[in-house]
Amino acid sequence: DAFAAYLADGDLPPTRSSLPNFTEPTRSYIAALALLGT
């Protein structure tokens, strides 16, 4: 729905997350490490 307002007024959409799109199994390995703390 925000696209029409963007075209009419130049309103910018909300900023997207900067987190990368991890592929498997990298995502699972990082998630497993997160269980051990920061």
PDB file of all heavy atoms in Angstrom:
ATOM      1  N   ASP A   1       0.827  -1.213   0.000  1.00  0.00           N
ATOM      2  CA  ASP A   1       0.000   0.000   0.000  1.00  0.00           C
ATOM      3  C   ASP A   1       0.862   1.263   0.000  1.00  0.00           C
ATOM      4  O   ASP A   1       0.406   2.323  -0.427  1.00  0.00           O
ATOM      5  CB  ASP A   1      -0.922  -0.001   1.226  1.00  0.00           C
ATOM      6  CG  ASP A   1      -1.967  -1.119   1.169  1.00  0.00           C
ATOM      7  OD1 ASP A   1      -2.263  -1.581   0.050  1.00  0.00           O
ATOM      8  OD2 ASP A   1      -2.465  -1.521   2.228  1.00  0.00           O
ATOM      9  N   ALA A   2       2.093   1.156   0.480  1.00  0.00           N
ATOM     10  CA  ALA A   2       2.963   2.333   0.571  1.00  0.00           C
ATOM     11  C   ALA A   2       3.479   2.790  -0.793  1.00  0.00           C
ATOM     12  O   ALA A   2       3.974   3.913  -0.921  1.00  0.00           O
ATOM     13  CB  ALA A   2       4.146   2.026   1.495  1.00  0.00           C
ATOM     14  N   PHE A   3       3.376   1.938  -1.807  1.00  0.00           N
ATOM     15  CA  PHE A   3       3.950   2.268  -3.111  1.00  0.00           C
ATOM     16  C   PHE A   3       3.250   3.456  -3.754  1.00  0.00           C
ATOM     17  O   PHE A   3       3.904   4.337  -4.332  1.00  0.00           O
ATOM     18  CB  PHE A   3       3.884   1.047  -4.023  1.00  0.00           C
ATOM     19  CG  PHE A   3       4.472   1.277  -5.393  1.00  0.00           C
ATOM     20  CD1 PHE A   3       5.796   1.653  -5.543  1.00  0.00           C
ATOM     21  CD2 PHE A   3       3.697   1.115  -6.533  1.00  0.00           C
ATOM     22  CE1 PHE A   3       6.346   1.850  -6.804  1.00  0.00           C
ATOM     23  CE2 PHE A   3       4.228   1.317  -7.792  1.00  0.00           C
ATOM     24  CZ  PHE A   3       5.560   1.688  -7.929  1.00  0.00           C
ATOM     25  N   ALA A   4       1.932   3.540  -3.653  1.00  0.00           N
ATOM     26  CA  ALA A   4       1.200   4.655  -4.258  1.00  0.00           C
ATOM     27  C   ALA A   4       1.611   5.977  -3.625  1.00  0.00           C
ATOM     28  O   ALA A   4       1.793   6.986  -4.323  1.00  0.00           O
ATOM     29  CB  ALA A   4      -0.308   4.426  -4.115  1.00  0.00           C
ATOM     30  N   ALA A   5       1.772   5.995  -2.288  1.00  0.00           N
ATOM     31  CA  ALA A   5       2.202   7.218  -1.612  1.00  0.00           C
ATOM     32  C   ALA A   5       3.617   7.604  -2.018  1.00  0.00           C
ATOM     33  O   ALA A   5       3.931   8.792  -2.153  1.00  0.00           O
ATOM     34  CB  ALA A   5       2.115   7.029  -0.101  1.00  0.00           C
ATOM     35  N   TYR A   6       4.444   6.608  -2.215  1.00  0.00           N
ATOM     36  CA  TYR A   6       5.819   6.863  -2.663  1.00  0.00           C
ATOM     37  C   TYR A   6       5.820   7.548  -4.027  1.00  0.00           C
ATOM     38  O   TYR A   6       6.554   8.521  -4.256  1.00  0.00           O
ATOM     39  CB  TYR A   6       6.576   5.548  -2.714  1.00  0.00           C
ATOM     40  CG  TYR A   6       7.812   5.565  -3.588  1.00  0.00           C
ATOM     41  CD1 TYR A   6       9.003   6.135  -3.149  1.00  0.00           C
ATOM     42  CD2 TYR A   6       7.778   4.987  -4.866  1.00  0.00           C
ATOM     43  CE1 TYR A   6      10.128   6.142  -3.963  1.00  0.00           C
ATOM     44  CE2 TYR A   6       8.902   4.995  -5.668  1.00  0.00           C
ATOM     45  CZ  TYR A   6      10.077   5.573  -5.225  1.00  0.00           C
ATOM     46  OH  TYR A   6      11.186   5.579  -6.028  1.00  0.00           O
ATOM     47  N   LEU A   7       5.001   7.055  -4.958  1.00  0.00           N
ATOM     48  CA  LEU A   7       4.954   7.659  -6.289  1.00  0.00           C
ATOM     49  C   LEU A   7       4.378   9.065  -6.248  1.00  0.00           C
ATOM     50  O   LEU A   7       4.836   9.967  -6.964  1.00  0.00           O
ATOM     51  CB  LEU A   7       4.110   6.794  -7.230  1.00  0.00           C
ATOM     52  CG  LEU A   7       4.707   5.463  -7.679  1.00  0.00           C
ATOM     53  CD1 LEU A   7       3.712   4.728  -8.575  1.00  0.00           C
ATOM     54  CD2 LEU A   7       6.022   5.669  -8.418  1.00  0.00           C
ATOM     55  N   ALA A   8       3.370   9.269  -5.402  1.00  0.00           N
ATOM     56  CA  ALA A   8       2.690  10.565  -5.361  1.00  0.00           C
ATOM     57  C   ALA A   8       3.500  11.629  -4.623  1.00  0.00           C
ATOM     58  O   ALA A   8       3.568  12.792  -5.058  1.00  0.00           O
ATOM     59  CB  ALA A   8       1.318  10.405  -4.704  1.00  0.00           C
ATOM     60  N   ASP A   9       4.140  11.245  -3.519  1.00  0.00           N
ATOM     61  CA  ASP A   9       4.778  12.233  -2.652  1.00  0.00           C
ATOM     62  C   ASP A   9       6.271  12.018  -2.452  1.00  0.00           C
ATOM     63  O   ASP A   9       6.932  12.840  -1.802  1.00  0.00           O
ATOM     64  CB  ASP A   9       4.098  12.237  -1.276  1.00  0.00           C
ATOM     65  CG  ASP A   9       2.591  12.412  -1.382  1.00  0.00           C
ATOM     66  OD1 ASP A   9       2.159  13.254  -2.195  1.00  0.00           O
ATOM     67  OD2 ASP A   9       1.865  11.699  -0.672  1.00  0.00           O
ATOM     68  N   GLY A  10       6.798  10.918  -2.949  1.00  0.00           N
ATOM     69  CA  GLY A  10       8.218  10.636  -2.729  1.00  0.00           C
ATOM     70  C   GLY A  10       8.512  10.115  -1.347  1.00  0.00           C
ATOM     71  O   GLY A  10       9.668  10.152  -0.905  1.00  0.00           O
ATOM     72  N   ASP A  11       7.488   9.614  -0.629  1.00  0.00           N
ATOM     73  CA  ASP A  11       7.708   9.084   0.716  1.00  0.00           C
ATOM     74  C   ASP A  11       8.537   7.803   0.646  1.00  0.00           C
ATOM     75  O   ASP A  11       8.216   6.877  -0.107  1.00  0.00           O
ATOM     76  CB  ASP A  11       6.370   8.761   1.398  1.00  0.00           C
ATOM     77  CG  ASP A  11       5.560  10.016   1.680  1.00  0.00           C
ATOM     78  OD1 ASP A  11       6.175  11.101   1.709  1.00  0.00           O
ATOM     79  OD2 ASP A  11       4.344   9.907   1.860  1.00  0.00           O
ATOM     80  N   LEU A  12       9.609   7.761   1.438  1.00  0.00           N
ATOM     81  CA  LEU A  12      10.478   6.593   1.437  1.00  0.00           C
ATOM     82  C   LEU A  12       9.859   5.464   2.253  1.00  0.00           C
ATOM     83  O   LEU A  12       9.228   5.708   3.289  1.00  0.00           O
ATOM     84  CB  LEU A  12      11.845   6.949   2.024  1.00  0.00           C
ATOM     85  CG  LEU A  12      12.655   7.977   1.243  1.00  0.00           C
ATOM     86  CD1 LEU A  12      13.969   8.254   1.964  1.00  0.00           C
ATOM     87  CD2 LEU A  12      12.938   7.489  -0.158  1.00  0.00           C
ATOM     88  N   PRO A  13      10.032   4.217   1.807  1.00  0.00           N
ATOM     89  CA  PRO A  13       9.524   3.082   2.584  1.00  0.00           C
ATOM     90  C   PRO A  13      10.385   2.868   3.820  1.00  0.00           C
ATOM     91  O   PRO A  13      11.497   3.393   3.908  1.00  0.00           O
ATOM     92  CB  PRO A  13       9.661   1.909   1.606  1.00  0.00           C
ATOM     93  CG  PRO A  13      10.801   2.300   0.730  1.00  0.00           C
ATOM     94  CD  PRO A  13      10.696   3.797   0.571  1.00  0.00           C
ATOM     95  N   PRO A  14       9.904   2.099   4.802  1.00  0.00           N
ATOM     96  CA  PRO A  14      10.710   1.816   5.994  1.00  0.00           C
ATOM     97  C   PRO A  14      12.016   1.135   5.613  1.00  0.00           C
ATOM     98  O   PRO A  14      12.096   0.390   4.636  1.00  0.00           O
ATOM     99  CB  PRO A  14       9.806   0.867   6.808  1.00  0.00           C
ATOM    100  CG  PRO A  14       8.423   1.106   6.295  1.00  0.00           C
ATOM    101  CD  PRO A  14       8.576   1.478   4.855  1.00  0.00           C
ATOM    102  N   THR A  15      13.071   1.410   6.392  1.00  0.00           N
ATOM    103  CA  THR A  15      14.372   0.816   6.135  1.00  0.00           C
ATOM    104  C   THR A  15      14.320  -0.686   6.377  1.00  0.00           C
ATOM    105  O   THR A  15      13.807  -1.151   7.393  1.00  0.00           O
ATOM    106  CB  THR A  15      15.436   1.441   7.058  1.00  0.00           C
ATOM    107  OG1 THR A  15      15.454   2.855   6.839  1.00  0.00           O
ATOM    108  CG2 THR A  15      16.807   0.862   6.766  1.00  0.00           C
ATOM    109  N   ARG A  16      14.851  -1.437   5.411  1.00  0.00           N
ATOM    110  CA  ARG A  16      14.883  -2.885   5.537  1.00  0.00           C
ATOM    111  C   ARG A  16      16.007  -3.312   6.466  1.00  0.00           C
ATOM    112  O   ARG A  16      16.967  -2.592   6.683  1.00  0.00           O
ATOM    113  CB  ARG A  16      15.093  -3.534   4.161  1.00  0.00           C
ATOM    114  CG  ARG A  16      13.960  -3.285   3.196  1.00  0.00           C
ATOM    115  CD  ARG A  16      14.314  -3.816   1.826  1.00  0.00           C
ATOM    116  NE  ARG A  16      14.581  -5.242   1.865  1.00  0.00           N
ATOM    117  CZ  ARG A  16      13.659  -6.179   1.696  1.00  0.00           C
ATOM    118  NH1 ARG A  16      12.406  -5.829   1.471  1.00  0.00           N
ATOM    119  NH2 ARG A  16      13.975  -7.455   1.730  1.00  0.00           N
ATOM    120  N   SER A  17      15.873  -4.495   7.019  1.00  0.00           N
ATOM    121  CA  SER A  17      16.920  -5.036   7.879  1.00  0.00           C
ATOM    122  C   SER A  17      18.220  -5.179   7.100  1.00  0.00           C
ATOM    123  O   SER A  17      18.230  -5.548   5.934  1.00  0.00           O
ATOM    124  CB  SER A  17      16.485  -6.407   8.423  1.00  0.00           C
ATOM    125  OG  SER A  17      17.559  -7.031   9.064  1.00  0.00           O
ATOM    126  N   SER A  18      19.327  -4.855   7.763  1.00  0.00           N
ATOM    127  CA  SER A  18      20.629  -4.954   7.117  1.00  0.00           C
ATOM    128  C   SER A  18      21.264  -6.322   7.313  1.00  0.00           C
ATOM    129  O   SER A  18      22.380  -6.561   6.854  1.00  0.00           O
ATOM    130  CB  SER A  18      21.572  -3.886   7.681  1.00  0.00           C
ATOM    131  OG  SER A  18      21.741  -4.068   9.079  1.00  0.00           O
ATOM    132  N   LEU A  19      20.578  -7.240   8.013  1.00  0.00           N
ATOM    133  CA  LEU A  19      21.146  -8.564   8.226  1.00  0.00           C
ATOM    134  C   LEU A  19      21.230  -9.319   6.908  1.00  0.00           C
ATOM    135  O   LEU A  19      20.321  -9.254   6.098  1.00  0.00           O
ATOM    136  CB  LEU A  19      20.281  -9.353   9.218  1.00  0.00           C
ATOM    137  CG  LEU A  19      20.282  -8.846  10.654  1.00  0.00           C
ATOM    138  CD1 LEU A  19      19.359  -9.708  11.498  1.00  0.00           C
ATOM    139  CD2 LEU A  19      21.684  -8.854  11.239  1.00  0.00           C
ATOM    140  N   PRO A  20      22.325 -10.026   6.691  1.00  0.00           N
ATOM    141  CA  PRO A  20      22.461 -10.770   5.431  1.00  0.00           C
ATOM    142  C   PRO A  20      21.507 -11.953   5.373  1.00  0.00           C
ATOM    143  O   PRO A  20      21.025 -12.442   6.397  1.00  0.00           O
ATOM    144  CB  PRO A  20      23.922 -11.236   5.462  1.00  0.00           C
ATOM    145  CG  PRO A  20      24.265 -11.276   6.912  1.00  0.00           C
ATOM    146  CD  PRO A  20      23.495 -10.158   7.557  1.00  0.00           C
ATOM    147  N   ASN A  21      21.250 -12.405   4.160  1.00  0.00           N
ATOM    148  CA  ASN A  21      20.386 -13.558   3.956  1.00  0.00           C
ATOM    149  C   ASN A  21      21.248 -14.816   3.946  1.00  0.00           C
ATOM    150  O   ASN A  21      21.739 -15.246   2.910  1.00  0.00           O
ATOM    151  CB  ASN A  21      19.632 -13.410   2.634  1.00  0.00           C
ATOM    152  CG  ASN A  21      18.660 -14.548   2.404  1.00  0.00           C
ATOM    153  OD1 ASN A  21      18.237 -15.214   3.347  1.00  0.00           O
ATOM    154  ND2 ASN A  21      18.335 -14.798   1.149  1.00  0.00           N
ATOM    155  N   PHE A  22      21.472 -15.402   5.132  1.00  0.00           N
ATOM    156  CA  PHE A  22      22.347 -16.560   5.236  1.00  0.00           C
ATOM    157  C   PHE A  22      21.726 -17.784   4.569  1.00  0.00           C
ATOM    158  O   PHE A  22      20.517 -17.988   4.627  1.00  0.00           O
ATOM    159  CB  PHE A  22      22.616 -16.899   6.710  1.00  0.00           C
ATOM    160  CG  PHE A  22      23.406 -15.855   7.440  1.00  0.00           C
ATOM    161  CD1 PHE A  22      22.876 -15.198   8.533  1.00  0.00           C
ATOM    162  CD2 PHE A  22      24.682 -15.527   7.028  1.00  0.00           C
ATOM    163  CE1 PHE A  22      23.592 -14.239   9.212  1.00  0.00           C
ATOM    164  CE2 PHE A  22      25.427 -14.581   7.708  1.00  0.00           C
ATOM    165  CZ  PHE A  22      24.879 -13.926   8.792  1.00  0.00           C
ATOM    166  N   THR A  23      22.575 -18.593   3.942  1.00  0.00           N
ATOM    167  CA  THR A  23      22.137 -19.863   3.397  1.00  0.00           C
ATOM    168  C   THR A  23      22.538 -20.978   4.345  1.00  0.00           C
ATOM    169  O   THR A  23      23.393 -20.812   5.208  1.00  0.00           O
ATOM    170  CB  THR A  23      22.772 -20.109   2.021  1.00  0.00           C
ATOM    171  OG1 THR A  23      24.202 -20.075   2.156  1.00  0.00           O
ATOM    172  CG2 THR A  23      22.332 -19.050   1.018  1.00  0.00           C
ATOM    173  N   GLU A  24      21.904 -22.109   4.178  1.00  0.00           N
ATOM    174  CA  GLU A  24      22.263 -23.270   5.001  1.00  0.00           C
ATOM    175  C   GLU A  24      23.524 -23.916   4.445  1.00  0.00           C
ATOM    176  O   GLU A  24      23.769 -23.880   3.252  1.00  0.00           O
ATOM    177  CB  GLU A  24      21.106 -24.278   5.007  1.00  0.00           C
ATOM    178  CG  GLU A  24      19.867 -23.802   5.737  1.00  0.00           C
ATOM    179  CD  GLU A  24      20.097 -23.647   7.243  1.00  0.00           C
ATOM    180  OE1 GLU A  24      21.168 -24.065   7.734  1.00  0.00           O
ATOM    181  OE2 GLU A  24      19.201 -23.120   7.903  1.00  0.00           O
ATOM    182  N   PRO A  25      24.399 -24.494   5.314  1.00  0.00           N
ATOM    183  CA  PRO A  25      24.183 -24.646   6.758  1.00  0.00           C
ATOM    184  C   PRO A  25      24.736 -23.494   7.595  1.00  0.00           C
ATOM    185  O   PRO A  25      24.743 -23.588   8.820  1.00  0.00           O
ATOM    186  CB  PRO A  25      24.943 -25.932   7.065  1.00  0.00           C
ATOM    187  CG  PRO A  25      26.111 -25.879   6.126  1.00  0.00           C
ATOM    188  CD  PRO A  25      25.582 -25.273   4.860  1.00  0.00           C
ATOM    189  N   THR A  26      25.217 -22.405   6.952  1.00  0.00           N
ATOM    190  CA  THR A  26      25.795 -21.291   7.714  1.00  0.00           C
ATOM    191  C   THR A  26      24.811 -20.761   8.751  1.00  0.00           C
ATOM    192  O   THR A  26      25.174 -20.490   9.903  1.00  0.00           O
ATOM    193  CB  THR A  26      26.206 -20.156   6.762  1.00  0.00           C
ATOM    194  OG1 THR A  26      27.159 -20.661   5.823  1.00  0.00           O
ATOM    195  CG2 THR A  26      26.804 -18.992   7.527  1.00  0.00           C
ATOM    196  N   ARG A  27      23.530 -20.611   8.341  1.00  0.00           N
ATOM    197  CA  ARG A  27      22.518 -20.084   9.267  1.00  0.00           C
ATOM    198  C   ARG A  27      22.427 -20.949  10.522  1.00  0.00           C
ATOM    199  O   ARG A  27      22.388 -20.455  11.650  1.00  0.00           O
ATOM    200  CB  ARG A  27      21.167 -20.006   8.562  1.00  0.00           C
ATOM    201  CG  ARG A  27      20.049 -19.463   9.460  1.00  0.00           C
ATOM    202  CD  ARG A  27      18.675 -19.633   8.836  1.00  0.00           C
ATOM    203  NE  ARG A  27      18.542 -18.886   7.594  1.00  0.00           N
ATOM    204  CZ  ARG A  27      18.433 -19.449   6.385  1.00  0.00           C
ATOM    205  NH1 ARG A  27      18.460 -20.776   6.276  1.00  0.00           N
ATOM    206  NH2 ARG A  27      18.319 -18.718   5.309  1.00  0.00           N
ATOM    207  N   SER A  28      22.406 -22.268  10.329  1.00  0.00           N
ATOM    208  CA  SER A  28      22.257 -23.174  11.470  1.00  0.00           C
ATOM    209  C   SER A  28      23.483 -23.172  12.368  1.00  0.00           C
ATOM    210  O   SER A  28      23.384 -23.244  13.596  1.00  0.00           O
ATOM    211  CB  SER A  28      21.978 -24.595  10.956  1.00  0.00           C
ATOM    212  OG  SER A  28      20.736 -24.651  10.287  1.00  0.00           O
ATOM    213  N   TYR A  29      24.678 -23.071  11.759  1.00  0.00           N
ATOM    214  CA  TYR A  29      25.898 -23.040  12.569  1.00  0.00           C
ATOM    215  C   TYR A  29      25.942 -21.783  13.438  1.00  0.00           C
ATOM    216  O   TYR A  29      26.302 -21.835  14.623  1.00  0.00           O
ATOM    217  CB  TYR A  29      27.123 -23.092  11.671  1.00  0.00           C
ATOM    218  CG  TYR A  29      27.354 -24.444  11.012  1.00  0.00           C
ATOM    219  CD1 TYR A  29      27.818 -24.514   9.699  1.00  0.00           C
ATOM    220  CD2 TYR A  29      27.129 -25.629  11.699  1.00  0.00           C
ATOM    221  CE1 TYR A  29      28.034 -25.748   9.086  1.00  0.00           C
ATOM    222  CE2 TYR A  29      27.333 -26.853  11.102  1.00  0.00           C
ATOM    223  CZ  TYR A  29      27.794 -26.919   9.794  1.00  0.00           C
ATOM    224  OH  TYR A  29      28.007 -28.128   9.198  1.00  0.00           O
ATOM    225  N   ILE A  30      25.601 -20.639  12.865  1.00  0.00           N
ATOM    226  CA  ILE A  30      25.606 -19.394  13.633  1.00  0.00           C
ATOM    227  C   ILE A  30      24.539 -19.442  14.730  1.00  0.00           C
ATOM    228  O   ILE A  30      24.754 -18.994  15.860  1.00  0.00           O
ATOM    229  CB  ILE A  30      25.398 -18.188  12.708  1.00  0.00           C
ATOM    230  CG1 ILE A  30      26.606 -18.026  11.776  1.00  0.00           C
ATOM    231  CG2 ILE A  30      25.174 -16.915  13.504  1.00  0.00           C
ATOM    232  CD1 ILE A  30      26.464 -16.919  10.761  1.00  0.00           C
ATOM    233  N   ALA A  31      23.372 -20.000  14.394  1.00  0.00           N
ATOM    234  CA  ALA A  31      22.309 -20.122  15.392  1.00  0.00           C
ATOM    235  C   ALA A  31      22.747 -21.028  16.543  1.00  0.00           C
ATOM    236  O   ALA A  31      22.453 -20.761  17.715  1.00  0.00           O
ATOM    237  CB  ALA A  31      21.036 -20.663  14.733  1.00  0.00           C
ATOM    238  N   ALA A  32      23.465 -22.105  16.196  1.00  0.00           N
ATOM    239  CA  ALA A  32      23.944 -23.008  17.249  1.00  0.00           C
ATOM    240  C   ALA A  32      24.936 -22.302  18.167  1.00  0.00           C
ATOM    241  O   ALA A  32      24.881 -22.441  19.399  1.00  0.00           O
ATOM    242  CB  ALA A  32      24.590 -24.242  16.611  1.00  0.00           C
ATOM    243  N   LEU A  33      25.851 -21.511  17.579  1.00  0.00           N
ATOM    244  CA  LEU A  33      26.805 -20.771  18.402  1.00  0.00           C
ATOM    245  C   LEU A  33      26.102 -19.786  19.328  1.00  0.00           C
ATOM    246  O   LEU A  33      26.537 -19.556  20.458  1.00  0.00           O
ATOM    247  CB  LEU A  33      27.793 -20.018  17.512  1.00  0.00           C
ATOM    248  CG  LEU A  33      28.869 -20.847  16.815  1.00  0.00           C
ATOM    249  CD1 LEU A  33      29.723 -19.951  15.925  1.00  0.00           C
ATOM    250  CD2 LEU A  33      29.740 -21.560  17.850  1.00  0.00           C
ATOM    251  N   ALA A  34      25.014 -19.199  18.845  1.00  0.00           N
ATOM    252  CA  ALA A  34      24.296 -18.203  19.653  1.00  0.00           C
ATOM    253  C   ALA A  34      23.758 -18.804  20.946  1.00  0.00           C
ATOM    254  O   ALA A  34      23.549 -18.092  21.937  1.00  0.00           O
ATOM    255  CB  ALA A  34      23.153 -17.605  18.837  1.00  0.00           C
ATOM    256  N   LEU A  35      23.554 -20.113  20.951  1.00  0.00           N
ATOM    257  CA  LEU A  35      23.072 -20.769  22.173  1.00  0.00           C
ATOM    258  C   LEU A  35      24.109 -20.717  23.291  1.00  0.00           C
ATOM    259  O   LEU A  35      23.769 -20.852  24.474  1.00  0.00           O
ATOM    260  CB  LEU A  35      22.720 -22.234  21.880  1.00  0.00           C
ATOM    261  CG  LEU A  35      21.587 -22.467  20.868  1.00  0.00           C
ATOM    262  CD1 LEU A  35      21.452 -23.957  20.576  1.00  0.00           C
ATOM    263  CD2 LEU A  35      20.277 -21.909  21.408  1.00  0.00           C
ATOM    264  N   LEU A  36      25.376 -20.515  22.918  1.00  0.00           N
ATOM    265  CA  LEU A  36      26.448 -20.500  23.918  1.00  0.00           C
ATOM    266  C   LEU A  36      26.705 -19.113  24.481  1.00  0.00           C
ATOM    267  O   LEU A  36      27.520 -18.960  25.389  1.00  0.00           O
ATOM    268  CB  LEU A  36      27.742 -21.041  23.297  1.00  0.00           C
ATOM    269  CG  LEU A  36      27.670 -22.463  22.719  1.00  0.00           C
ATOM    270  CD1 LEU A  36      29.031 -22.880  22.184  1.00  0.00           C
ATOM    271  CD2 LEU A  36      27.173 -23.451  23.772  1.00  0.00           C
ATOM    272  N   GLY A  37      26.056 -18.089  23.935  1.00  0.00           N
ATOM    273  CA  GLY A  37      26.257 -16.736  24.433  1.00  0.00           C
ATOM    274  C   GLY A  37      26.794 -15.815  23.366  1.00  0.00           C
ATOM    275  O   GLY A  37      26.929 -16.189  22.189  1.00  0.00           O
ATOM    276  N   THR A  38      27.120 -14.579  23.762  1.00  0.00           N
ATOM    277  CA  THR A  38      27.580 -13.575  22.805  1.00  0.00           C
ATOM    278  C   THR A  38      29.094 -13.525  22.676  1.00  0.00           C
ATOM    279  O   THR A  38      29.620 -12.942  21.724  1.00  0.00           O
ATOM    280  CB  THR A  38      27.070 -12.181  23.207  1.00  0.00           C
ATOM    281  OG1 THR A  38      27.527 -11.898  24.539  1.00  0.00           O
ATOM    282  CG2 THR A  38      25.551 -12.131  23.161  1.00  0.00           C
TER     283      THR A  38
END
